[in-house]
Structures are given as C-alpha cells and as structure tokens.
Amino acid sequence: MAATRREALEAVERLWDRYPEQRLGQLLTNIAIFARGPGGAEEVYDLENWEIVGAVVDHLGGE
C-alpha cells in the first residue's frame, strides 16, 4: 500500500487527537513501536509512510 506524505501526516494527527497529552516525539516513537514491534523505537527514522498509516489505523481499530 503506497501512502502519500499527506496521508501519513493525517494519520499522525488522528493519533495525536486520541492522545493529546503526548509530545510529538513520544507519538512518533509509539507509532514506530506499533509498526515494527518493541525494537521499532530504534528504527523511527526508517519508517515508510505506508507503515505509519497502517500502524495508526491498526491501533485505532480502523477509525
């Protein structure tokens, strides 16, 4: 699944709306963990847009 930059940013925004108390760095780290598992935090810089969108959709249950 190819995802555009806009789709990835919209996914981050949806997750941030759910967890407004988190800082951006925390949010991105959590997305990396959702996408790649416990070691994902170390790979946050390597996430592809489609991984961000997929991880957020999965976490939010399809919202």
C-alpha atoms as a PDB file:
ATOM      1  CA  MET A   1       0.000   0.000   0.000  1.00  0.00           C
ATOM      2  CA  ALA A   2       1.556   3.280  -1.061  1.00  0.00           C
ATOM      3  CA  ALA A   3       0.743   6.227   1.162  1.00  0.00           C
ATOM      4  CA  THR A   4       1.363   9.872   0.497  1.00  0.00           C
ATOM      5  CA  ARG A   5       3.001  12.300   2.875  1.00  0.00           C
ATOM      6  CA  ARG A   6      -0.402  13.901   3.459  1.00  0.00           C
ATOM      7  CA  GLU A   7      -1.949  10.529   4.438  1.00  0.00           C
ATOM      8  CA  ALA A   8       0.901   9.885   6.864  1.00  0.00           C
ATOM      9  CA  LEU A   9       0.519  13.321   8.441  1.00  0.00           C
ATOM     10  CA  GLU A  10      -3.249  12.889   8.705  1.00  0.00           C
ATOM     11  CA  ALA A  11      -2.693   9.551  10.438  1.00  0.00           C
ATOM     12  CA  VAL A  12      -0.346  11.192  12.943  1.00  0.00           C
ATOM     13  CA  GLU A  13      -2.939  13.907  13.517  1.00  0.00           C
ATOM     14  CA  ARG A  14      -5.682  11.315  14.211  1.00  0.00           C
ATOM     15  CA  LEU A  15      -3.466   9.566  16.744  1.00  0.00           C
ATOM     16  CA  TRP A  16      -2.490  12.860  18.363  1.00  0.00           C
ATOM     17  CA  ASP A  17      -6.171  13.753  18.683  1.00  0.00           C
ATOM     18  CA  ARG A  18      -6.621  10.489  20.600  1.00  0.00           C
ATOM     19  CA  TYR A  19      -3.571  11.131  22.822  1.00  0.00           C
ATOM     20  CA  PRO A  20      -3.244  14.940  23.096  1.00  0.00           C
ATOM     21  CA  GLU A  21      -1.083  14.700  26.204  1.00  0.00           C
ATOM     22  CA  GLN A  22       1.770  13.105  24.253  1.00  0.00           C
ATOM     23  CA  ARG A  23       4.582  15.149  22.794  1.00  0.00           C
ATOM     24  CA  LEU A  24       5.343  14.712  19.094  1.00  0.00           C
ATOM     25  CA  GLY A  25       8.499  12.707  19.770  1.00  0.00           C
ATOM     26  CA  GLN A  26       6.595  10.317  22.019  1.00  0.00           C
ATOM     27  CA  LEU A  27       3.890   9.923  19.425  1.00  0.00           C
ATOM     28  CA  LEU A  28       6.337   9.132  16.619  1.00  0.00           C
ATOM     29  CA  THR A  29       8.215   6.663  18.815  1.00  0.00           C
ATOM     30  CA  ASN A  30       4.966   4.905  19.681  1.00  0.00           C
ATOM     31  CA  ILE A  31       3.989   4.713  16.014  1.00  0.00           C
ATOM     32  CA  ALA A  32       7.345   3.067  15.274  1.00  0.00           C
ATOM     33  CA  ILE A  33       6.682   0.525  18.036  1.00  0.00           C
ATOM     34  CA  PHE A  34       3.155  -0.117  16.700  1.00  0.00           C
ATOM     35  CA  ALA A  35       4.597  -0.652  13.213  1.00  0.00           C
ATOM     36  CA  ARG A  36       7.688  -2.728  13.982  1.00  0.00           C
ATOM     37  CA  GLY A  37       7.300  -4.098  17.480  1.00  0.00           C
ATOM     38  CA  PRO A  38       9.286  -3.410  20.659  1.00  0.00           C
ATOM     39  CA  GLY A  39      12.533  -2.693  18.794  1.00  0.00           C
ATOM     40  CA  GLY A  40      10.766  -0.249  16.498  1.00  0.00           C
ATOM     41  CA  ALA A  41      11.685   2.777  18.586  1.00  0.00           C
ATOM     42  CA  GLU A  42      15.251   2.444  17.326  1.00  0.00           C
ATOM     43  CA  GLU A  43      14.002   2.425  13.725  1.00  0.00           C
ATOM     44  CA  VAL A  44      11.774   5.510  13.835  1.00  0.00           C
ATOM     45  CA  TYR A  45      13.852   7.252  11.142  1.00  0.00           C
ATOM     46  CA  ASP A  46      13.377   4.378   8.712  1.00  0.00           C
ATOM     47  CA  LEU A  47       9.560   4.236   8.775  1.00  0.00           C
ATOM     48  CA  GLU A  48       7.861   4.427   5.413  1.00  0.00           C
ATOM     49  CA  ASN A  49       4.673   6.449   5.014  1.00  0.00           C
ATOM     50  CA  TRP A  50       2.604   3.306   4.473  1.00  0.00           C
ATOM     51  CA  GLU A  51       3.929   1.857   7.751  1.00  0.00           C
ATOM     52  CA  ILE A  52       2.849   4.967   9.649  1.00  0.00           C
ATOM     53  CA  VAL A  53      -0.641   4.919   8.144  1.00  0.00           C
ATOM     54  CA  GLY A  54      -1.043   1.168   8.683  1.00  0.00           C
ATOM     55  CA  ALA A  55       0.181   1.267  12.279  1.00  0.00           C
ATOM     56  CA  VAL A  56      -2.148   4.112  13.207  1.00  0.00           C
ATOM     57  CA  VAL A  57      -5.167   2.536  11.501  1.00  0.00           C
ATOM     58  CA  ASP A  58      -4.478  -0.776  13.235  1.00  0.00           C
ATOM     59  CA  HIS A  59      -4.005   0.908  16.610  1.00  0.00           C
ATOM     60  CA  LEU A  60      -7.164   2.971  16.319  1.00  0.00           C
ATOM     61  CA  GLY A  61      -9.167  -0.022  15.134  1.00  0.00           C
ATOM     62  CA  GLY A  62      -9.907   1.299  11.673  1.00  0.00           C
ATOM     63  CA  GLU A  63     -11.043   4.794  12.746  1.00  0.00           C
END
